[in-house]
PDB file of N, CA and C in Angstrom:
ATOM      1  N   MET A   1      59.084   4.893 102.317  1.00  0.00           N
ATOM      2  CA  MET A   1      58.779   4.408 100.974  1.00  0.00           C
ATOM      3  C   MET A   1      57.336   3.884 100.899  1.00  0.00           C
ATOM      4  N   VAL A   2      56.942   3.099 101.883  1.00  0.00           N
ATOM      5  CA  VAL A   2      55.586   2.554 101.917  1.00  0.00           C
ATOM      6  C   VAL A   2      54.565   3.686 102.003  1.00  0.00           C
ATOM      7  N   LEU A   3      54.918   4.720 102.752  1.00  0.00           N
ATOM      8  CA  LEU A   3      54.032   5.873 102.887  1.00  0.00           C
ATOM      9  C   LEU A   3      53.826   6.573 101.540  1.00  0.00           C
ATOM     10  N   LEU A   4      54.877   6.715 100.747  1.00  0.00           N
ATOM     11  CA  LEU A   4      54.762   7.347  99.425  1.00  0.00           C
ATOM     12  C   LEU A   4      53.900   6.506  98.484  1.00  0.00           C
ATOM     13  N   VAL A   5      54.080   5.198  98.524  1.00  0.00           N
ATOM     14  CA  VAL A   5      53.256   4.309  97.694  1.00  0.00           C
ATOM     15  C   VAL A   5      51.796   4.411  98.119  1.00  0.00           C
ATOM     16  N   GLY A   6      51.560   4.485  99.421  1.00  0.00           N
ATOM     17  CA  GLY A   6      50.190   4.630  99.928  1.00  0.00           C
ATOM     18  C   GLY A   6      49.542   5.913  99.437  1.00  0.00           C
ATOM     19  N   PHE A   7      50.311   7.008  99.489  1.00  0.00           N
ATOM     20  CA  PHE A   7      49.782   8.284  98.990  1.00  0.00           C
ATOM     21  C   PHE A   7      49.511   8.226  97.487  1.00  0.00           C
ATOM     22  N   ALA A   8      50.365   7.585  96.742  1.00  0.00           N
ATOM     23  CA  ALA A   8      50.184   7.468  95.298  1.00  0.00           C
ATOM     24  C   ALA A   8      48.930   6.663  94.969  1.00  0.00           C
ATOM     25  N   VAL A   9      48.728   5.563  95.696  1.00  0.00           N
ATOM     26  CA  VAL A   9      47.530   4.744  95.471  1.00  0.00           C
ATOM     27  C   VAL A   9      46.282   5.532  95.849  1.00  0.00           C
ATOM     28  N   MET A  10      46.343   6.259  96.952  1.00  0.00           N
ATOM     29  CA  MET A  10      45.206   7.064  97.387  1.00  0.00           C
ATOM     30  C   MET A  10      44.886   8.153  96.354  1.00  0.00           C
ATOM     31  N   ALA A  11      45.899   8.819  95.832  1.00  0.00           N
ATOM     32  CA  ALA A  11      45.688   9.861  94.820  1.00  0.00           C
ATOM     33  C   ALA A  11      45.098   9.264  93.548  1.00  0.00           C
ATOM     34  N   GLY A  12      45.587   8.105  93.143  1.00  0.00           N
ATOM     35  CA  GLY A  12      45.042   7.444  91.949  1.00  0.00           C
ATOM     36  C   GLY A  12      43.588   7.050  92.151  1.00  0.00           C
ATOM     37  N   THR A  13      43.261   6.535  93.315  1.00  0.00           N
ATOM     38  CA  THR A  13      41.875   6.150  93.618  1.00  0.00           C
ATOM     39  C   THR A  13      40.968   7.371  93.605  1.00  0.00           C
ATOM     40  N   PHE A  14      41.430   8.447  94.207  1.00  0.00           N
ATOM     41  CA  PHE A  14      40.646   9.684  94.225  1.00  0.00           C
ATOM     42  C   PHE A  14      40.383  10.180  92.797  1.00  0.00           C
ATOM     43  N   SER A  15      41.385  10.106  91.936  1.00  0.00           N
ATOM     44  CA  SER A  15      41.233  10.541  90.548  1.00  0.00           C
ATOM     45  C   SER A  15      40.193   9.696  89.813  1.00  0.00           C
ATOM     46  N   VAL A  16      40.222   8.395  90.029  1.00  0.00           N
ATOM     47  CA  VAL A  16      39.254   7.510  89.374  1.00  0.00           C
ATOM     48  C   VAL A  16      37.845   7.805  89.868  1.00  0.00           C
ATOM     49  N   VAL A  17      37.695   8.015  91.181  1.00  0.00           N
ATOM     50  CA  VAL A  17      36.375   8.319  91.738  1.00  0.00           C
ATOM     51  C   VAL A  17      35.841   9.625  91.148  1.00  0.00           C
ATOM     52  N   GLN A  18      36.690  10.644  91.038  1.00  0.00           N
ATOM     53  CA  GLN A  18      36.271  11.923  90.451  1.00  0.00           C
ATOM     54  C   GLN A  18      35.859  11.750  88.987  1.00  0.00           C
ATOM     55  N   TYR A  19      36.614  10.958  88.249  1.00  0.00           N
ATOM     56  CA  TYR A  19      36.304  10.714  86.843  1.00  0.00           C
ATOM     57  C   TYR A  19      34.946  10.024  86.706  1.00  0.00           C
ATOM     58  N   VAL A  20      34.700   9.022  87.526  1.00  0.00           N
ATOM     59  CA  VAL A  20      33.427   8.300  87.469  1.00  0.00           C
ATOM     60  C   VAL A  20      32.279   9.228  87.841  1.00  0.00           C
ATOM     61  N   ARG A  21      32.446  10.025  88.869  1.00  0.00           N
ATOM     62  CA  ARG A  21      31.390  10.951  89.306  1.00  0.00           C
ATOM     63  C   ARG A  21      31.074  11.976  88.212  1.00  0.00           C
ATOM     64  N   THR A  22      32.114  12.514  87.582  1.00  0.00           N
ATOM     65  CA  THR A  22      31.916  13.479  86.499  1.00  0.00           C
ATOM     66  C   THR A  22      31.203  12.826  85.316  1.00  0.00           C
ATOM     67  N   SER A  23      31.579  11.610  84.983  1.00  0.00           N
ATOM     68  CA  SER A  23      30.932  10.893  83.881  1.00  0.00           C
ATOM     69  C   SER A  23      29.456  10.646  84.177  1.00  0.00           C
ATOM     70  N   GLN A  24      29.140  10.300  85.417  1.00  0.00           N
ATOM     71  CA  GLN A  24      27.747  10.072  85.798  1.00  0.00           C
ATOM     72  C   GLN A  24      26.942  11.358  85.709  1.00  0.00           C
ATOM     73  N   ASP A  25      27.506  12.467  86.164  1.00  0.00           N
ATOM     74  CA  ASP A  25      26.818  13.753  86.092  1.00  0.00           C
ATOM     75  C   ASP A  25      26.537  14.143  84.639  1.00  0.00           C
ATOM     76  N   GLN A  26      27.525  13.945  83.768  1.00  0.00           N
ATOM     77  CA  GLN A  26      27.342  14.274  82.357  1.00  0.00           C
ATOM     78  C   GLN A  26      26.282  13.384  81.722  1.00  0.00           C
ATOM     79  N   SER A  27      26.277  12.118  82.093  1.00  0.00           N
ATOM     80  CA  SER A  27      25.300  11.184  81.551  1.00  0.00           C
ATOM     81  C   SER A  27      23.888  11.568  81.976  1.00  0.00           C
ATOM     82  N   LEU A  28      23.714  11.926  83.237  1.00  0.00           N
ATOM     83  CA  LEU A  28      22.403  12.338  83.738  1.00  0.00           C
ATOM     84  C   LEU A  28      21.939  13.613  83.048  1.00  0.00           C
ATOM     85  N   SER A  29      22.848  14.547  82.859  1.00  0.00           N
ATOM     86  CA  SER A  29      22.513  15.798  82.188  1.00  0.00           C
ATOM     87  C   SER A  29      22.070  15.547  80.749  1.00  0.00           C
ATOM     88  N   LEU A  30      22.788  14.687  80.059  1.00  0.00           N
ATOM     89  CA  LEU A  30      22.435  14.357  78.670  1.00  0.00           C
ATOM     90  C   LEU A  30      21.092  13.654  78.608  1.00  0.00           C
ATOM     91  N   HIS A  31      20.834  12.745  79.536  1.00  0.00           N
ATOM     92  CA  HIS A  31      19.559  12.026  79.563  1.00  0.00           C
ATOM     93  C   HIS A  31      18.402  12.984  79.811  1.00  0.00           C
ATOM     94  N   THR A  32      18.579  13.917  80.735  1.00  0.00           N
ATOM     95  CA  THR A  32      17.536  14.897  81.043  1.00  0.00           C
ATOM     96  C   THR A  32      17.246  15.778  79.834  1.00  0.00           C
ATOM     97  N   GLN A  33      18.288  16.214  79.159  1.00  0.00           N
ATOM     98  CA  GLN A  33      18.115  17.048  77.970  1.00  0.00           C
ATOM     99  C   GLN A  33      17.405  16.261  76.871  1.00  0.00           C
ATOM    100  N   SER A  34      17.789  15.008  76.682  1.00  0.00           N
ATOM    101  CA  SER A  34      17.158  14.178  75.655  1.00  0.00           C
ATOM    102  C   SER A  34      15.674  13.985  75.941  1.00  0.00           C
ATOM    103  N   GLN A  35      15.318  13.751  77.203  1.00  0.00           N
ATOM    104  CA  GLN A  35      13.918  13.581  77.586  1.00  0.00           C
ATOM    105  C   GLN A  35      13.122  14.852  77.310  1.00  0.00           C
ATOM    106  N   ALA A  36      13.690  16.000  77.647  1.00  0.00           N
ATOM    107  CA  ALA A  36      13.003  17.271  77.422  1.00  0.00           C
ATOM    108  C   ALA A  36      12.782  17.507  75.929  1.00  0.00           C
ATOM    109  N   GLN A  37      13.780  17.214  75.119  1.00  0.00           N
ATOM    110  CA  GLN A  37      13.637  17.390  73.671  1.00  0.00           C
ATOM    111  C   GLN A  37      12.599  16.423  73.116  1.00  0.00           C
ATOM    112  N   MET A  38      12.593  15.193  73.598  1.00  0.00           N
ATOM    113  CA  MET A  38      11.623  14.208  73.136  1.00  0.00           C
ATOM    114  C   MET A  38      10.201  14.657  73.483  1.00  0.00           C
ATOM    115  N   ASN A  39      10.008  15.163  74.698  1.00  0.00           N
ATOM    116  CA  ASN A  39       8.690  15.634  75.101  1.00  0.00           C
ATOM    117  C   ASN A  39       8.248  16.844  74.273  1.00  0.00           C
ATOM    118  N   ALA A  40       9.174  17.714  73.944  1.00  0.00           N
ATOM    119  CA  ALA A  40       8.831  18.874  73.117  1.00  0.00           C
ATOM    120  C   ALA A  40       8.393  18.434  71.726  1.00  0.00           C
ATOM    121  N   TRP A  41       9.083  17.447  71.137  1.00  0.00           N
ATOM    122  CA  TRP A  41       8.704  16.962  69.816  1.00  0.00           C
ATOM    123  C   TRP A  41       7.374  16.216  69.859  1.00  0.00           C
ATOM    124  N   ILE A  42       7.096  15.515  70.945  1.00  0.00           N
ATOM    125  CA  ILE A  42       5.790  14.852  71.087  1.00  0.00           C
ATOM    126  C   ILE A  42       4.681  15.904  71.104  1.00  0.00           C
ATOM    127  N   ALA A  43       4.896  16.977  71.859  1.00  0.00           N
ATOM    128  CA  ALA A  43       3.900  18.047  71.915  1.00  0.00           C
ATOM    129  C   ALA A  43       3.718  18.701  70.548  1.00  0.00           C
ATOM    130  N   ALA A  44       4.805  18.930  69.847  1.00  0.00           N
ATOM    131  CA  ALA A  44       4.707  19.529  68.510  1.00  0.00           C
ATOM    132  C   ALA A  44       3.932  18.610  67.564  1.00  0.00           C
ATOM    133  N   GLU A  45       4.165  17.310  67.656  1.00  0.00           N
ATOM    134  CA  GLU A  45       3.446  16.355  66.809  1.00  0.00           C
ATOM    135  C   GLU A  45       1.961  16.329  67.152  1.00  0.00           C
ATOM    136  N   LEU A  46       1.614  16.426  68.428  1.00  0.00           N
ATOM    137  CA  LEU A  46       0.202  16.463  68.821  1.00  0.00           C
ATOM    138  C   LEU A  46      -0.496  17.700  68.266  1.00  0.00           C
ATOM    139  N   VAL A  47       0.181  18.838  68.315  1.00  0.00           N
ATOM    140  CA  VAL A  47      -0.395  20.066  67.748  1.00  0.00           C
ATOM    141  C   VAL A  47      -0.548  19.916  66.242  1.00  0.00           C
ATOM    142  N   ARG A  48       0.452  19.339  65.581  1.00  0.00           N
ATOM    143  CA  ARG A  48       0.368  19.133  64.139  1.00  0.00           C
ATOM    144  C   ARG A  48      -0.821  18.249  63.772  1.00  0.00           C
ATOM    145  N   GLN A  49      -1.003  17.161  64.526  1.00  0.00           N
ATOM    146  CA  GLN A  49      -2.118  16.261  64.254  1.00  0.00           C
ATOM    147  C   GLN A  49      -3.461  16.949  64.502  1.00  0.00           C
ATOM    148  N   TYR A  50      -3.527  17.761  65.553  1.00  0.00           N
ATOM    149  CA  TYR A  50      -4.769  18.493  65.830  1.00  0.00           C
ATOM    150  C   TYR A  50      -5.092  19.448  64.689  1.00  0.00           C
ATOM    151  N   LEU A  51      -4.096  20.210  64.260  1.00  0.00           N
ATOM    152  CA  LEU A  51      -4.317  21.172  63.182  1.00  0.00           C
ATOM    153  C   LEU A  51      -4.658  20.471  61.872  1.00  0.00           C
ATOM    154  N   ALA A  52      -4.038  19.322  61.627  1.00  0.00           N
ATOM    155  CA  ALA A  52      -4.317  18.583  60.399  1.00  0.00           C
ATOM    156  C   ALA A  52      -5.740  18.034  60.397  1.00  0.00           C
ATOM    157  N   GLY A  53      -6.304  17.799  61.569  1.00  0.00           N
ATOM    158  CA  GLY A  53      -7.659  17.255  61.663  1.00  0.00           C
ATOM    159  C   GLY A  53      -8.753  18.305  61.570  1.00  0.00           C
ATOM    160  N   LEU A  54      -8.397  19.574  61.570  1.00  0.00           N
ATOM    161  CA  LEU A  54      -9.402  20.632  61.500  1.00  0.00           C
ATOM    162  C   LEU A  54      -9.903  20.800  60.064  1.00  0.00           C
ATOM    163  N   SER A  55     -11.179  21.116  59.950  1.00  0.00           N
ATOM    164  CA  SER A  55     -11.699  21.467  58.626  1.00  0.00           C
ATOM    165  C   SER A  55     -11.186  22.859  58.277  1.00  0.00           C
ATOM    166  N   SER A  56     -11.341  23.252  57.020  1.00  0.00           N
ATOM    167  CA  SER A  56     -10.855  24.573  56.614  1.00  0.00           C
ATOM    168  C   SER A  56     -11.594  25.681  57.360  1.00  0.00           C
ATOM    169  N   THR A  57     -12.873  25.469  57.645  1.00  0.00           N
ATOM    170  CA  THR A  57     -13.650  26.464  58.392  1.00  0.00           C
ATOM    171  C   THR A  57     -13.150  26.563  59.833  1.00  0.00           C
ATOM    172  N   GLN A  58     -12.921  25.415  60.461  1.00  0.00           N
ATOM    173  CA  GLN A  58     -12.415  25.413  61.837  1.00  0.00           C
ATOM    174  C   GLN A  58     -11.029  26.056  61.901  1.00  0.00           C
ATOM    175  N   PHE A  59     -10.201  25.763  60.907  1.00  0.00           N
ATOM    176  CA  PHE A  59      -8.856  26.332  60.885  1.00  0.00           C
ATOM    177  C   PHE A  59      -8.922  27.849  60.713  1.00  0.00           C
ATOM    178  N   ALA A  60      -9.787  28.314  59.829  1.00  0.00           N
ATOM    179  CA  ALA A  60      -9.933  29.757  59.611  1.00  0.00           C
ATOM    180  C   ALA A  60     -10.425  30.444  60.880  1.00  0.00           C
ATOM    181  N   THR A  61     -11.371  29.812  61.569  1.00  0.00           N
ATOM    182  CA  THR A  61     -11.884  30.380  62.819  1.00  0.00           C
ATOM    183  C   THR A  61     -10.781  30.450  63.866  1.00  0.00           C
ATOM    184  N   LEU A  62     -10.007  29.382  63.988  1.00  0.00           N
ATOM    185  CA  LEU A  62      -8.895  29.367  64.939  1.00  0.00           C
ATOM    186  C   LEU A  62      -7.878  30.445  64.600  1.00  0.00           C
ATOM    187  N   LEU A  63      -7.537  30.562  63.337  1.00  0.00           N
ATOM    188  CA  LEU A  63      -6.559  31.559  62.907  1.00  0.00           C
ATOM    189  C   LEU A  63      -7.059  32.972  63.201  1.00  0.00           C
ATOM    190  N   THR A  64      -8.327  33.237  62.925  1.00  0.00           N
ATOM    191  CA  THR A  64      -8.909  34.551  63.199  1.00  0.00           C
ATOM    192  C   THR A  64      -8.873  34.853  64.695  1.00  0.00           C
ATOM    193  N   THR A  65      -9.191  33.851  65.511  1.00  0.00           N
ATOM    194  CA  THR A  65      -9.194  34.039  66.959  1.00  0.00           C
ATOM    195  C   THR A  65      -7.789  34.325  67.478  1.00  0.00           C
ATOM    196  N   VAL A  66      -6.817  33.591  66.996  1.00  0.00           N
ATOM    197  CA  VAL A  66      -5.438  33.774  67.458  1.00  0.00           C
ATOM    198  C   VAL A  66      -4.903  35.136  67.025  1.00  0.00           C
ATOM    199  N   GLN A  67      -5.323  35.597  65.859  1.00  0.00           N
ATOM    200  CA  GLN A  67      -4.843  36.885  65.364  1.00  0.00           C
ATOM    201  C   GLN A  67      -5.586  38.062  65.976  1.00  0.00           C
ATOM    202  N   GLY A  68      -6.571  37.783  66.820  1.00  0.00           N
ATOM    203  CA  GLY A  68      -7.219  38.874  67.536  1.00  0.00           C
ATOM    204  C   GLY A  68      -8.546  39.316  66.972  1.00  0.00           C
ATOM    205  N   GLY A  69      -9.070  38.645  65.988  1.00  0.00           N
ATOM    206  CA  GLY A  69     -10.326  39.064  65.402  1.00  0.00           C
ATOM    207  C   GLY A  69     -11.529  38.278  65.876  1.00  0.00           C
ATOM    208  N   GLY A  70     -11.322  37.361  66.807  1.00  0.00           N
ATOM    209  CA  GLY A  70     -12.430  36.497  67.217  1.00  0.00           C
ATOM    210  C   GLY A  70     -13.186  36.963  68.421  1.00  0.00           C
ATOM    211  N   GLY A  71     -12.801  38.105  68.996  1.00  0.00           N
ATOM    212  CA  GLY A  71     -13.475  38.575  70.190  1.00  0.00           C
ATOM    213  C   GLY A  71     -13.120  37.729  71.396  1.00  0.00           C
ATOM    214  N   GLY A  72     -13.753  38.026  72.498  1.00  0.00           N
ATOM    215  CA  GLY A  72     -13.540  37.232  73.688  1.00  0.00           C
ATOM    216  C   GLY A  72     -12.240  37.521  74.424  1.00  0.00           C
ATOM    217  N   GLY A  73     -11.424  38.387  73.922  1.00  0.00           N
ATOM    218  CA  GLY A  73     -10.206  38.768  74.626  1.00  0.00           C
ATOM    219  C   GLY A  73      -9.108  37.730  74.633  1.00  0.00           C
ATOM    220  N   HIS A  74      -9.180  36.754  73.730  1.00  0.00           N
ATOM    221  CA  HIS A  74      -8.133  35.720  73.715  1.00  0.00           C
ATOM    222  C   HIS A  74      -7.405  35.743  72.384  1.00  0.00           C
ATOM    223  N   GLY A  75      -7.231  36.899  71.825  1.00  0.00           N
ATOM    224  CA  GLY A  75      -6.566  37.001  70.535  1.00  0.00           C
ATOM    225  C   GLY A  75      -5.084  37.266  70.705  1.00  0.00           C
ATOM    226  N   ALA A  76      -4.548  38.099  69.829  1.00  0.00           N
ATOM    227  CA  ALA A  76      -3.107  38.380  69.821  1.00  0.00           C
ATOM    228  C   ALA A  76      -2.648  38.988  71.138  1.00  0.00           C
ATOM    229  N   GLU A  77      -3.524  39.783  71.788  1.00  0.00           N
ATOM    230  CA  GLU A  77      -3.110  40.380  73.057  1.00  0.00           C
ATOM    231  C   GLU A  77      -2.888  39.311  74.131  1.00  0.00           C
ATOM    232  N   PHE A  78      -3.502  38.162  73.973  1.00  0.00           N
ATOM    233  CA  PHE A  78      -3.313  37.065  74.918  1.00  0.00           C
ATOM    234  C   PHE A  78      -1.874  36.546  74.846  1.00  0.00           C
ATOM    235  N   PHE A  79      -1.288  36.553  73.649  1.00  0.00           N
ATOM    236  CA  PHE A  79       0.054  36.014  73.460  1.00  0.00           C
ATOM    237  C   PHE A  79       1.134  37.064  73.624  1.00  0.00           C
ATOM    238  N   GLY A  80       0.815  38.281  73.623  1.00  0.00           N
ATOM    239  CA  GLY A  80       1.872  39.266  73.687  1.00  0.00           C
ATOM    240  C   GLY A  80       1.540  40.347  74.610  1.00  0.00           C
TER     241      GLY A  80
END
């Protein structure tokens, strides 16, 4: 009888340990994903601020260069 109670307690302890470990793994995964998303939005905001600070001439020049008309080999072929 004592042996059965011991096995039951051991099985219950093992289940709790597995539950805690799984919860920790999920929490770490969620935290990592949240950090990556936050960093992506920070980068997007920095690009937005940079573009907003350009004059219309600078913006037109940048757009022409990105679309492949600015020479120098860094146009559309650079991105694709």
